[in-house]
């Protein structure tokens, strides 16, 4: 068996710095700043792509890329099938981790928090804003379930297209949003010689944030 030795893969990080003297008192403001800087200057195709890590019923962690759809002082919102593997994992253990890696900006954000379902009206409003094809995709797919073939999925989609040809598509009850209320947010800024900047925000008393520097 061949071996792929990656020990010589190195990059010098020199674009920015992250100091305690120039960060806001809460992490959402800093995340907002970094997000929009990446959107404007970073050359990243999907700035809102994030890795969502959960602990499954089998005891193993699992990560997958999901799109962030909204963030504010309350938390970070994404949408999925509640009966999916990630949905079942969250029902069992709502403590999850979100991470963003914006390589062109040499930045990473890691968010630990508790996931809760958003209000049904919030999920309805977002579902109604989606393109018709995306709505049908949410209806047709029993996400994470074993299916016999690709043709099975495509045939089912054709059936639904005919069914909803002259009807509006309602949000399935098992599809909707989660809001992740952050408890710890860590910002990583690449620096030369692997002396990276790491600033960690930890929530205290439900509202206040403790700011600490971590060794790289």
N, C-alpha and C. Protein backbone atom coordinates (compact mmCIF):
# COMPACT_ATOMS: atom_id res chain seq x y z
N UNK A 1 0.85 -1.20 0.00
CA UNK A 1 0.00 0.00 0.00
C UNK A 1 0.88 1.25 0.00
N UNK A 2 0.58 2.19 -0.88
CA UNK A 2 1.37 3.41 -0.97
C UNK A 2 1.08 4.33 0.22
N UNK A 3 2.07 5.13 0.56
CA UNK A 3 1.94 6.07 1.67
C UNK A 3 2.02 7.49 1.13
N UNK A 4 1.07 8.32 1.51
CA UNK A 4 1.08 9.73 1.12
C UNK A 4 1.60 10.55 2.29
N UNK A 5 2.85 10.95 2.22
CA UNK A 5 3.48 11.71 3.29
C UNK A 5 3.21 13.19 3.06
N UNK A 6 2.47 13.82 3.98
CA UNK A 6 2.08 15.22 3.85
C UNK A 6 2.86 16.14 4.78
N UNK A 7 3.96 15.62 5.33
CA UNK A 7 4.68 16.38 6.36
C UNK A 7 5.32 17.66 5.81
N UNK A 8 5.50 17.74 4.50
CA UNK A 8 6.10 18.95 3.91
C UNK A 8 5.06 19.98 3.48
N UNK A 9 3.79 19.70 3.70
CA UNK A 9 2.75 20.67 3.37
C UNK A 9 2.77 21.78 4.41
N UNK A 10 3.25 22.95 4.04
CA UNK A 10 3.33 24.05 4.98
C UNK A 10 2.92 25.34 4.31
N UNK A 11 2.34 26.23 5.10
CA UNK A 11 1.95 27.54 4.61
C UNK A 11 2.32 28.57 5.66
N UNK A 12 2.82 29.70 5.22
CA UNK A 12 3.13 30.78 6.15
C UNK A 12 1.94 31.73 6.22
N UNK A 13 1.41 31.92 7.43
CA UNK A 13 0.23 32.76 7.63
C UNK A 13 0.68 34.17 8.02
N UNK A 14 0.36 35.15 7.20
CA UNK A 14 0.91 36.49 7.44
C UNK A 14 -0.07 37.63 7.15
N UNK A 15 -1.36 37.35 7.02
CA UNK A 15 -2.28 38.37 6.52
C UNK A 15 -2.82 39.31 7.59
N UNK A 16 -3.10 38.78 8.79
CA UNK A 16 -3.77 39.59 9.81
C UNK A 16 -3.25 39.24 11.19
N UNK A 17 -3.77 39.96 12.18
CA UNK A 17 -3.48 39.66 13.58
C UNK A 17 -4.77 39.77 14.38
N UNK A 18 -4.78 39.14 15.55
CA UNK A 18 -5.96 39.17 16.42
C UNK A 18 -5.46 39.43 17.84
N UNK A 19 -5.72 40.63 18.34
CA UNK A 19 -5.23 41.04 19.64
C UNK A 19 -6.39 41.39 20.58
N UNK A 20 -6.17 41.18 21.86
CA UNK A 20 -7.21 41.51 22.84
C UNK A 20 -7.61 42.98 22.78
N UNK A 21 -6.69 43.81 22.37
CA UNK A 21 -6.96 45.25 22.34
C UNK A 21 -7.86 45.69 21.19
N UNK A 22 -8.09 44.79 20.22
CA UNK A 22 -8.92 45.20 19.08
C UNK A 22 -10.11 44.28 18.83
N UNK A 23 -10.57 43.57 19.87
CA UNK A 23 -11.75 42.72 19.72
C UNK A 23 -12.91 43.31 20.51
N UNK A 24 -14.15 43.13 20.02
CA UNK A 24 -15.32 43.62 20.75
C UNK A 24 -15.60 42.80 21.99
N UNK A 25 -16.53 43.27 22.80
CA UNK A 25 -16.83 42.60 24.07
C UNK A 25 -17.60 41.30 23.88
N UNK A 26 -18.28 41.13 22.73
CA UNK A 26 -19.03 39.90 22.52
C UNK A 26 -18.63 39.28 21.19
N UNK A 27 -18.73 37.95 21.07
CA UNK A 27 -18.23 37.27 19.88
C UNK A 27 -19.08 37.47 18.63
N UNK A 28 -20.36 37.77 18.79
CA UNK A 28 -21.22 37.92 17.61
C UNK A 28 -20.76 39.10 16.77
N UNK A 29 -20.36 40.19 17.42
CA UNK A 29 -19.86 41.35 16.68
C UNK A 29 -18.59 41.02 15.91
N UNK A 30 -17.71 40.26 16.53
CA UNK A 30 -16.48 39.88 15.85
C UNK A 30 -16.77 38.91 14.71
N UNK A 31 -17.68 37.96 14.95
CA UNK A 31 -18.06 37.04 13.87
C UNK A 31 -18.66 37.81 12.70
N UNK A 32 -19.51 38.77 13.00
CA UNK A 32 -20.12 39.58 11.95
C UNK A 32 -19.05 40.31 11.13
N UNK A 33 -18.07 40.86 11.82
CA UNK A 33 -16.98 41.56 11.14
C UNK A 33 -16.21 40.61 10.23
N UNK A 34 -15.81 39.47 10.79
CA UNK A 34 -15.04 38.50 9.99
C UNK A 34 -15.85 37.96 8.83
N UNK A 35 -17.12 37.68 9.05
CA UNK A 35 -17.97 37.12 8.00
C UNK A 35 -18.03 38.08 6.80
N UNK A 36 -18.29 39.36 7.09
CA UNK A 36 -18.45 40.31 5.99
C UNK A 36 -17.11 40.69 5.35
N UNK A 37 -16.03 40.66 6.12
CA UNK A 37 -14.72 40.86 5.52
C UNK A 37 -14.39 39.72 4.55
N UNK A 38 -14.74 38.50 4.95
CA UNK A 38 -14.50 37.35 4.07
C UNK A 38 -15.39 37.44 2.83
N UNK A 39 -16.63 37.83 3.04
CA UNK A 39 -17.57 37.97 1.93
C UNK A 39 -17.08 39.01 0.92
N UNK A 40 -16.50 40.09 1.42
CA UNK A 40 -16.09 41.19 0.54
C UNK A 40 -14.71 40.99 -0.08
N UNK A 41 -13.77 40.44 0.71
CA UNK A 41 -12.38 40.39 0.26
C UNK A 41 -11.83 38.97 0.11
N UNK A 42 -12.53 38.00 0.68
CA UNK A 42 -11.91 36.68 0.83
C UNK A 42 -11.92 35.78 -0.38
N UNK A 43 -12.76 36.07 -1.37
CA UNK A 43 -12.81 35.19 -2.53
C UNK A 43 -13.34 33.81 -2.20
N UNK A 44 -14.19 33.69 -1.18
CA UNK A 44 -14.77 32.41 -0.79
C UNK A 44 -16.15 32.28 -1.44
N UNK A 45 -16.38 31.17 -2.11
CA UNK A 45 -17.63 31.02 -2.87
C UNK A 45 -18.84 30.95 -1.96
N UNK A 46 -18.75 30.20 -0.88
CA UNK A 46 -19.86 30.08 0.07
C UNK A 46 -19.33 30.41 1.47
N UNK A 47 -19.40 31.68 1.81
CA UNK A 47 -18.89 32.13 3.11
C UNK A 47 -19.67 31.49 4.25
N UNK A 48 -20.93 31.17 4.00
CA UNK A 48 -21.80 30.63 5.05
C UNK A 48 -21.71 29.11 5.18
N UNK A 49 -20.81 28.47 4.46
CA UNK A 49 -20.63 27.03 4.61
C UNK A 49 -19.90 26.75 5.92
N UNK A 50 -20.46 25.87 6.72
CA UNK A 50 -19.88 25.56 8.02
C UNK A 50 -19.93 24.06 8.27
N UNK A 51 -19.06 23.58 9.11
CA UNK A 51 -19.07 22.18 9.52
C UNK A 51 -19.89 22.06 10.80
N UNK A 52 -20.86 21.16 10.78
CA UNK A 52 -21.69 20.90 11.95
C UNK A 52 -21.31 19.52 12.50
N UNK A 53 -20.85 19.49 13.74
CA UNK A 53 -20.45 18.24 14.38
C UNK A 53 -21.43 17.89 15.49
N UNK A 54 -21.90 16.64 15.46
CA UNK A 54 -22.82 16.13 16.48
C UNK A 54 -22.26 14.83 17.03
N UNK A 55 -22.83 14.39 18.15
CA UNK A 55 -22.50 13.08 18.72
C UNK A 55 -23.69 12.16 18.44
N UNK A 56 -23.44 11.10 17.66
CA UNK A 56 -24.53 10.22 17.25
C UNK A 56 -24.95 9.24 18.33
N UNK A 57 -26.03 8.54 18.04
CA UNK A 57 -26.52 7.53 18.98
C UNK A 57 -25.52 6.41 19.18
N UNK A 58 -24.61 6.22 18.21
CA UNK A 58 -23.59 5.18 18.33
C UNK A 58 -22.40 5.64 19.15
N UNK A 59 -22.44 6.89 19.63
CA UNK A 59 -21.35 7.41 20.46
C UNK A 59 -20.23 8.05 19.68
N UNK A 60 -20.30 8.01 18.36
CA UNK A 60 -19.25 8.60 17.53
C UNK A 60 -19.61 10.02 17.14
N UNK A 61 -18.61 10.91 17.07
CA UNK A 61 -18.87 12.24 16.49
C UNK A 61 -19.00 12.11 14.98
N UNK A 62 -19.78 13.00 14.38
CA UNK A 62 -19.87 13.05 12.93
C UNK A 62 -19.98 14.50 12.50
N UNK A 63 -19.24 14.85 11.46
CA UNK A 63 -19.24 16.22 10.94
C UNK A 63 -19.72 16.22 9.50
N UNK A 64 -20.41 17.29 9.13
CA UNK A 64 -20.86 17.47 7.76
C UNK A 64 -21.00 18.96 7.49
N UNK A 65 -20.92 19.34 6.22
CA UNK A 65 -21.00 20.75 5.85
C UNK A 65 -22.46 21.13 5.63
N UNK A 66 -22.87 22.20 6.28
CA UNK A 66 -24.24 22.73 6.22
C UNK A 66 -24.14 24.24 6.00
N UNK A 67 -25.16 24.84 5.42
CA UNK A 67 -25.13 26.28 5.18
C UNK A 67 -25.80 27.05 6.32
N UNK A 68 -25.09 28.01 6.87
CA UNK A 68 -25.65 28.92 7.86
C UNK A 68 -26.65 29.84 7.15
N UNK A 69 -27.83 30.01 7.72
CA UNK A 69 -28.85 30.82 7.06
C UNK A 69 -29.16 32.13 7.78
N UNK A 70 -28.76 32.24 9.04
CA UNK A 70 -28.99 33.48 9.77
C UNK A 70 -28.17 33.46 11.04
N UNK A 71 -27.70 34.63 11.47
CA UNK A 71 -27.08 34.72 12.79
C UNK A 71 -27.38 36.09 13.39
N UNK A 72 -27.51 36.10 14.71
CA UNK A 72 -27.75 37.33 15.45
C UNK A 72 -27.28 37.11 16.88
N UNK A 73 -27.65 38.03 17.77
CA UNK A 73 -27.20 37.92 19.16
C UNK A 73 -27.72 36.65 19.85
N UNK A 74 -28.79 36.08 19.32
CA UNK A 74 -29.37 34.88 19.94
C UNK A 74 -28.65 33.61 19.52
N UNK A 75 -28.07 33.60 18.32
CA UNK A 75 -27.38 32.39 17.88
C UNK A 75 -27.29 32.25 16.38
N UNK A 76 -27.01 31.01 15.96
CA UNK A 76 -26.74 30.68 14.57
C UNK A 76 -27.79 29.68 14.08
N UNK A 77 -28.43 29.98 12.94
CA UNK A 77 -29.56 29.19 12.47
C UNK A 77 -29.22 28.45 11.19
N UNK A 78 -29.56 27.16 11.16
CA UNK A 78 -29.49 26.36 9.94
C UNK A 78 -30.74 25.49 9.87
N UNK A 79 -30.99 24.92 8.68
CA UNK A 79 -32.20 24.13 8.45
C UNK A 79 -31.85 22.73 7.98
N UNK A 80 -32.69 21.78 8.36
CA UNK A 80 -32.43 20.39 7.99
C UNK A 80 -33.68 19.56 8.21
N UNK A 81 -33.58 18.27 7.88
CA UNK A 81 -34.64 17.31 8.17
C UNK A 81 -34.49 16.85 9.62
N UNK A 82 -35.53 17.02 10.42
CA UNK A 82 -35.44 16.66 11.83
C UNK A 82 -35.27 15.15 12.04
N UNK A 83 -35.66 14.34 11.04
CA UNK A 83 -35.52 12.89 11.15
C UNK A 83 -34.20 12.39 10.60
N UNK A 84 -33.36 13.30 10.10
CA UNK A 84 -32.07 12.90 9.56
C UNK A 84 -31.15 12.42 10.67
N UNK A 85 -29.99 11.92 10.27
CA UNK A 85 -29.03 11.45 11.27
C UNK A 85 -28.62 12.58 12.21
N UNK A 86 -28.39 13.77 11.65
CA UNK A 86 -28.01 14.89 12.51
C UNK A 86 -29.17 15.32 13.40
N UNK A 87 -30.40 15.27 12.86
CA UNK A 87 -31.57 15.63 13.65
C UNK A 87 -31.77 14.68 14.82
N UNK A 88 -31.60 13.40 14.58
CA UNK A 88 -31.74 12.41 15.65
C UNK A 88 -30.62 12.57 16.68
N UNK A 89 -29.42 12.90 16.19
CA UNK A 89 -28.31 13.11 17.12
C UNK A 89 -28.57 14.32 18.02
N UNK A 90 -29.10 15.38 17.44
CA UNK A 90 -29.39 16.59 18.22
C UNK A 90 -30.49 16.32 19.23
N UNK A 91 -31.50 15.52 18.85
CA UNK A 91 -32.57 15.16 19.78
C UNK A 91 -32.01 14.41 20.98
N UNK A 92 -30.98 13.59 20.74
CA UNK A 92 -30.37 12.80 21.81
C UNK A 92 -29.40 13.64 22.64
N UNK A 93 -28.64 14.52 21.95
CA UNK A 93 -27.64 15.34 22.62
C UNK A 93 -27.55 16.67 21.87
N UNK A 94 -28.16 17.73 22.41
CA UNK A 94 -28.21 19.01 21.70
C UNK A 94 -26.92 19.82 21.73
N UNK A 95 -25.89 19.31 22.43
CA UNK A 95 -24.60 20.00 22.45
C UNK A 95 -23.86 19.73 21.15
N UNK A 96 -23.65 20.76 20.34
CA UNK A 96 -23.03 20.56 19.05
C UNK A 96 -21.92 21.60 18.83
N UNK A 97 -21.20 21.42 17.74
CA UNK A 97 -20.10 22.33 17.41
C UNK A 97 -20.23 22.77 15.95
N UNK A 98 -20.06 24.06 15.72
CA UNK A 98 -20.03 24.62 14.37
C UNK A 98 -18.62 25.15 14.12
N UNK A 99 -18.14 25.00 12.91
CA UNK A 99 -16.83 25.58 12.60
C UNK A 99 -16.80 26.13 11.18
N UNK A 100 -16.12 27.25 11.04
CA UNK A 100 -15.91 27.90 9.76
C UNK A 100 -14.40 27.99 9.52
N UNK A 101 -13.96 27.65 8.30
CA UNK A 101 -12.57 27.84 7.94
C UNK A 101 -12.52 28.64 6.65
N UNK A 102 -12.08 29.88 6.77
CA UNK A 102 -11.97 30.79 5.62
C UNK A 102 -10.48 30.87 5.26
N UNK A 103 -10.04 29.92 4.43
CA UNK A 103 -8.61 29.75 4.17
C UNK A 103 -7.98 30.98 3.53
N UNK A 104 -8.73 31.67 2.66
CA UNK A 104 -8.14 32.82 1.98
C UNK A 104 -7.86 33.97 2.94
N UNK A 105 -8.58 33.99 4.07
CA UNK A 105 -8.36 35.02 5.09
C UNK A 105 -7.50 34.50 6.24
N UNK A 106 -7.12 33.21 6.16
CA UNK A 106 -6.31 32.57 7.21
C UNK A 106 -7.02 32.66 8.56
N UNK A 107 -8.32 32.36 8.54
CA UNK A 107 -9.14 32.48 9.75
C UNK A 107 -10.02 31.26 9.95
N UNK A 108 -10.25 30.95 11.21
CA UNK A 108 -11.15 29.87 11.60
C UNK A 108 -11.97 30.32 12.81
N UNK A 109 -13.23 29.90 12.84
CA UNK A 109 -14.10 30.17 13.99
C UNK A 109 -14.71 28.84 14.42
N UNK A 110 -14.63 28.55 15.71
CA UNK A 110 -15.21 27.33 16.27
C UNK A 110 -16.22 27.73 17.33
N UNK A 111 -17.44 27.22 17.19
CA UNK A 111 -18.55 27.60 18.07
C UNK A 111 -19.11 26.37 18.75
N UNK A 112 -19.06 26.33 20.07
CA UNK A 112 -19.75 25.29 20.83
C UNK A 112 -21.06 25.88 21.34
N UNK A 113 -22.13 25.10 21.27
CA UNK A 113 -23.40 25.63 21.73
C UNK A 113 -24.46 24.56 21.84
N UNK A 114 -25.65 25.00 22.19
CA UNK A 114 -26.79 24.11 22.37
C UNK A 114 -27.80 24.39 21.26
N UNK A 115 -28.18 23.35 20.55
CA UNK A 115 -29.11 23.48 19.43
C UNK A 115 -30.56 23.29 19.90
N UNK A 116 -31.43 24.20 19.47
CA UNK A 116 -32.86 24.10 19.76
C UNK A 116 -33.63 24.36 18.47
N UNK A 117 -34.78 23.73 18.36
CA UNK A 117 -35.62 23.99 17.19
C UNK A 117 -36.13 25.43 17.22
N UNK A 118 -36.15 26.06 16.07
CA UNK A 118 -36.73 27.41 15.98
C UNK A 118 -38.24 27.28 15.99
N UNK A 119 -38.93 28.39 16.15
CA UNK A 119 -40.39 28.39 16.13
C UNK A 119 -40.89 27.90 14.77
N UNK A 120 -41.99 27.13 14.73
CA UNK A 120 -42.54 26.66 13.45
C UNK A 120 -42.77 27.79 12.45
N UNK A 121 -43.20 28.95 12.92
CA UNK A 121 -43.44 30.07 12.01
C UNK A 121 -42.15 30.53 11.34
N UNK A 122 -41.03 30.46 12.07
CA UNK A 122 -39.73 30.82 11.48
C UNK A 122 -39.35 29.84 10.38
N UNK A 123 -39.57 28.54 10.65
CA UNK A 123 -39.29 27.54 9.62
C UNK A 123 -40.22 27.70 8.43
N UNK A 124 -41.50 28.02 8.69
CA UNK A 124 -42.45 28.24 7.59
C UNK A 124 -42.00 29.39 6.70
N UNK A 125 -41.59 30.48 7.31
CA UNK A 125 -41.19 31.66 6.54
C UNK A 125 -39.97 31.37 5.68
N UNK A 126 -39.01 30.65 6.24
CA UNK A 126 -37.82 30.33 5.45
C UNK A 126 -38.17 29.35 4.33
N UNK A 127 -38.97 28.33 4.65
CA UNK A 127 -39.34 27.34 3.64
C UNK A 127 -40.08 28.01 2.48
N UNK A 128 -40.97 28.93 2.78
CA UNK A 128 -41.72 29.63 1.74
C UNK A 128 -40.83 30.48 0.84
N UNK A 129 -39.66 30.89 1.36
CA UNK A 129 -38.75 31.72 0.58
C UNK A 129 -37.88 30.90 -0.37
N UNK A 130 -37.88 29.59 -0.22
CA UNK A 130 -37.00 28.74 -1.02
C UNK A 130 -37.54 28.57 -2.45
N UNK A 131 -36.67 28.29 -3.42
CA UNK A 131 -37.14 27.96 -4.77
C UNK A 131 -37.98 26.69 -4.76
N UNK A 132 -38.86 26.55 -5.75
CA UNK A 132 -39.77 25.40 -5.79
C UNK A 132 -38.99 24.08 -5.79
N UNK A 133 -37.88 24.04 -6.53
CA UNK A 133 -37.10 22.81 -6.58
C UNK A 133 -36.54 22.42 -5.22
N UNK A 134 -36.11 23.40 -4.46
CA UNK A 134 -35.58 23.12 -3.12
C UNK A 134 -36.69 22.65 -2.18
N UNK A 135 -37.88 23.22 -2.34
CA UNK A 135 -39.01 22.77 -1.54
C UNK A 135 -39.32 21.30 -1.83
N UNK A 136 -39.37 20.96 -3.11
CA UNK A 136 -39.65 19.57 -3.49
C UNK A 136 -38.55 18.64 -2.99
N UNK A 137 -37.31 19.12 -3.04
CA UNK A 137 -36.21 18.31 -2.55
C UNK A 137 -36.36 17.97 -1.08
N UNK A 138 -36.86 18.93 -0.29
CA UNK A 138 -37.07 18.68 1.14
C UNK A 138 -38.19 17.68 1.36
N UNK A 139 -39.20 17.72 0.50
CA UNK A 139 -40.34 16.81 0.63
C UNK A 139 -39.98 15.40 0.18
N UNK A 140 -39.22 15.30 -0.92
CA UNK A 140 -38.97 13.99 -1.53
C UNK A 140 -37.96 13.16 -0.76
N UNK A 141 -37.06 13.80 -0.02
CA UNK A 141 -35.95 13.08 0.58
C UNK A 141 -36.20 12.73 2.04
N UNK A 142 -36.19 11.43 2.34
CA UNK A 142 -36.15 10.98 3.73
C UNK A 142 -34.68 10.94 4.14
N UNK A 143 -34.15 12.09 4.46
CA UNK A 143 -32.71 12.27 4.61
C UNK A 143 -32.09 11.26 5.54
N UNK A 144 -30.97 10.68 5.11
CA UNK A 144 -30.15 9.71 5.84
C UNK A 144 -30.72 8.29 5.81
N UNK A 145 -31.92 8.10 5.23
CA UNK A 145 -32.50 6.77 5.14
C UNK A 145 -31.94 6.02 3.94
N UNK A 146 -31.83 4.70 4.06
CA UNK A 146 -31.35 3.88 2.94
C UNK A 146 -32.43 3.83 1.86
N UNK A 147 -32.03 4.05 0.60
CA UNK A 147 -32.96 3.96 -0.53
C UNK A 147 -32.38 2.99 -1.56
N UNK A 148 -33.24 2.38 -2.39
CA UNK A 148 -32.76 1.34 -3.30
C UNK A 148 -31.90 1.84 -4.45
N UNK A 149 -32.14 3.07 -4.91
CA UNK A 149 -31.40 3.54 -6.08
C UNK A 149 -31.62 5.03 -6.28
N UNK A 150 -30.82 5.62 -7.17
CA UNK A 150 -31.02 7.00 -7.59
C UNK A 150 -32.34 7.14 -8.33
N UNK A 151 -32.67 6.14 -9.12
CA UNK A 151 -33.92 6.18 -9.90
C UNK A 151 -35.13 6.27 -8.98
N UNK A 152 -35.07 5.59 -7.85
CA UNK A 152 -36.17 5.64 -6.88
C UNK A 152 -36.43 7.08 -6.45
N UNK A 153 -35.36 7.82 -6.18
CA UNK A 153 -35.48 9.21 -5.74
C UNK A 153 -36.03 10.08 -6.87
N UNK A 154 -35.49 9.90 -8.07
CA UNK A 154 -35.91 10.72 -9.20
C UNK A 154 -37.35 10.43 -9.60
N UNK A 155 -37.77 9.17 -9.54
CA UNK A 155 -39.16 8.82 -9.85
C UNK A 155 -40.12 9.45 -8.85
N UNK A 156 -39.72 9.43 -7.59
CA UNK A 156 -40.55 10.04 -6.54
C UNK A 156 -40.67 11.54 -6.77
N UNK A 157 -39.57 12.17 -7.20
CA UNK A 157 -39.59 13.60 -7.49
C UNK A 157 -40.56 13.92 -8.63
N UNK A 158 -40.55 13.11 -9.67
CA UNK A 158 -41.48 13.32 -10.80
C UNK A 158 -42.92 13.23 -10.32
N UNK A 159 -43.21 12.28 -9.46
CA UNK A 159 -44.57 12.13 -8.90
C UNK A 159 -44.98 13.39 -8.14
N UNK A 160 -44.07 13.90 -7.33
CA UNK A 160 -44.38 15.09 -6.54
C UNK A 160 -44.52 16.33 -7.42
N UNK A 161 -43.73 16.43 -8.48
CA UNK A 161 -43.86 17.56 -9.41
C UNK A 161 -45.24 17.59 -10.03
N UNK A 162 -45.76 16.42 -10.35
CA UNK A 162 -47.13 16.34 -10.92
C UNK A 162 -48.16 16.69 -9.85
N UNK A 163 -47.94 16.18 -8.63
CA UNK A 163 -48.89 16.42 -7.54
C UNK A 163 -49.02 17.90 -7.22
N UNK A 164 -47.88 18.59 -7.21
CA UNK A 164 -47.87 20.00 -6.80
C UNK A 164 -47.85 20.97 -7.98
N UNK A 165 -48.21 20.45 -9.15
CA UNK A 165 -48.17 21.29 -10.35
C UNK A 165 -49.03 22.53 -10.20
N UNK A 166 -50.18 22.37 -9.57
CA UNK A 166 -51.10 23.49 -9.38
C UNK A 166 -51.39 23.75 -7.91
N UNK A 167 -50.49 23.30 -7.04
CA UNK A 167 -50.68 23.47 -5.60
C UNK A 167 -49.43 24.09 -4.99
N UNK A 168 -49.63 24.80 -3.89
CA UNK A 168 -48.47 25.31 -3.15
C UNK A 168 -47.88 24.17 -2.32
N UNK A 169 -46.60 24.25 -2.08
CA UNK A 169 -45.89 23.20 -1.34
C UNK A 169 -45.73 23.65 0.11
N UNK A 170 -46.31 22.90 1.02
CA UNK A 170 -46.21 23.24 2.44
C UNK A 170 -44.98 22.60 3.06
N UNK A 171 -44.45 23.25 4.06
CA UNK A 171 -43.30 22.70 4.77
C UNK A 171 -43.65 21.40 5.47
N UNK A 172 -42.84 20.33 5.25
CA UNK A 172 -43.08 19.10 6.00
C UNK A 172 -42.84 19.32 7.49
N UNK A 173 -43.62 18.67 8.32
CA UNK A 173 -43.48 18.86 9.76
C UNK A 173 -42.12 18.41 10.28
N UNK A 174 -41.48 17.48 9.56
CA UNK A 174 -40.19 16.97 10.02
C UNK A 174 -39.02 17.72 9.39
N UNK A 175 -39.28 18.91 8.89
CA UNK A 175 -38.22 19.73 8.30
C UNK A 175 -38.30 21.12 8.89
N UNK A 176 -37.15 21.65 9.32
CA UNK A 176 -37.18 22.99 9.91
C UNK A 176 -35.81 23.42 10.40
N UNK A 177 -35.81 24.47 11.20
CA UNK A 177 -34.56 25.08 11.61
C UNK A 177 -34.14 24.75 13.02
N UNK A 178 -32.85 24.89 13.25
CA UNK A 178 -32.26 24.86 14.58
C UNK A 178 -31.54 26.19 14.80
N UNK A 179 -31.60 26.67 16.01
CA UNK A 179 -30.75 27.79 16.41
C UNK A 179 -29.75 27.26 17.42
N UNK A 180 -28.49 27.55 17.19
CA UNK A 180 -27.43 27.13 18.10
C UNK A 180 -27.06 28.32 18.97
N UNK A 181 -27.37 28.22 20.25
CA UNK A 181 -27.06 29.28 21.20
C UNK A 181 -25.64 29.06 21.71
N UNK A 182 -24.71 29.96 21.38
CA UNK A 182 -23.30 29.71 21.68
C UNK A 182 -22.97 29.83 23.16
N UNK A 183 -22.09 28.94 23.60
CA UNK A 183 -21.56 29.01 24.96
C UNK A 183 -20.06 29.30 24.94
N UNK A 184 -19.39 28.86 23.87
CA UNK A 184 -17.96 29.13 23.69
C UNK A 184 -17.73 29.44 22.21
N UNK A 185 -17.02 30.53 21.93
CA UNK A 185 -16.67 30.88 20.55
C UNK A 185 -15.18 31.17 20.50
N UNK A 186 -14.47 30.44 19.65
CA UNK A 186 -13.03 30.65 19.52
C UNK A 186 -12.69 31.17 18.13
N UNK A 187 -11.89 32.22 18.10
CA UNK A 187 -11.43 32.82 16.85
C UNK A 187 -9.95 32.51 16.67
N UNK A 188 -9.61 32.01 15.49
CA UNK A 188 -8.23 31.64 15.17
C UNK A 188 -7.76 32.45 13.98
N UNK A 189 -6.67 33.15 14.17
CA UNK A 189 -6.06 33.93 13.09
C UNK A 189 -4.66 33.40 12.84
N UNK A 190 -4.40 32.95 11.62
CA UNK A 190 -3.09 32.44 11.29
C UNK A 190 -2.02 33.52 11.41
N UNK A 191 -0.87 33.15 11.97
CA UNK A 191 0.26 34.07 12.13
C UNK A 191 1.56 33.36 11.72
N UNK A 192 2.62 34.11 11.45
CA UNK A 192 3.90 33.50 11.04
C UNK A 192 4.47 32.57 12.12
N UNK A 193 5.26 31.59 11.67
CA UNK A 193 5.99 30.67 12.55
C UNK A 193 5.08 29.86 13.47
N UNK A 194 3.86 29.67 13.03
CA UNK A 194 2.87 28.88 13.78
C UNK A 194 2.52 29.49 15.14
N UNK A 195 2.86 30.76 15.34
CA UNK A 195 2.45 31.43 16.58
C UNK A 195 1.10 32.11 16.34
N UNK A 196 0.11 31.29 16.07
CA UNK A 196 -1.21 31.79 15.69
C UNK A 196 -1.89 32.49 16.86
N UNK A 197 -2.79 33.41 16.52
CA UNK A 197 -3.63 34.06 17.54
C UNK A 197 -4.89 33.24 17.76
N UNK A 198 -5.18 32.95 19.02
CA UNK A 198 -6.42 32.27 19.39
C UNK A 198 -7.07 33.04 20.54
N UNK A 199 -8.25 33.56 20.27
CA UNK A 199 -9.00 34.28 21.30
C UNK A 199 -10.30 33.52 21.54
N UNK A 200 -10.55 33.20 22.80
CA UNK A 200 -11.73 32.43 23.17
C UNK A 200 -12.69 33.26 24.01
N UNK A 201 -13.95 33.25 23.61
CA UNK A 201 -15.04 33.86 24.38
C UNK A 201 -15.82 32.74 25.06
N UNK A 202 -16.05 32.87 26.35
CA UNK A 202 -16.85 31.90 27.11
C UNK A 202 -17.96 32.65 27.82
N UNK A 203 -19.20 32.18 27.65
CA UNK A 203 -20.34 32.89 28.24
C UNK A 203 -20.34 32.70 29.75
N UNK A 204 -20.69 33.78 30.45
CA UNK A 204 -20.81 33.75 31.91
C UNK A 204 -22.09 34.47 32.30
N UNK A 205 -22.82 33.90 33.24
CA UNK A 205 -24.06 34.50 33.73
C UNK A 205 -25.06 34.74 32.59
N UNK A 206 -25.00 33.87 31.57
CA UNK A 206 -25.94 33.86 30.45
C UNK A 206 -25.80 35.05 29.50
N UNK A 207 -25.12 36.09 29.91
CA UNK A 207 -25.06 37.29 29.07
C UNK A 207 -23.64 37.80 28.85
N UNK A 208 -22.81 37.73 29.89
CA UNK A 208 -21.47 38.30 29.80
C UNK A 208 -20.51 37.30 29.16
N UNK A 209 -19.44 37.83 28.59
CA UNK A 209 -18.45 36.98 27.92
C UNK A 209 -17.07 37.21 28.53
N UNK A 210 -16.42 36.10 28.89
CA UNK A 210 -15.02 36.15 29.34
C UNK A 210 -14.12 35.96 28.13
N UNK A 211 -13.13 36.81 27.98
CA UNK A 211 -12.23 36.76 26.84
C UNK A 211 -10.86 36.28 27.32
N UNK A 212 -10.32 35.25 26.66
CA UNK A 212 -9.02 34.69 27.03
C UNK A 212 -8.21 34.40 25.77
N UNK A 213 -6.89 34.50 25.92
CA UNK A 213 -5.98 34.10 24.84
C UNK A 213 -5.51 32.68 25.11
N UNK A 214 -5.49 31.86 24.04
CA UNK A 214 -5.02 30.49 24.14
C UNK A 214 -3.68 30.35 23.41
N UNK A 215 -2.85 29.46 23.91
CA UNK A 215 -1.60 29.17 23.21
C UNK A 215 -1.93 28.54 21.85
N UNK A 216 -1.15 28.81 20.82
CA UNK A 216 -1.47 28.30 19.48
C UNK A 216 -1.28 26.79 19.35
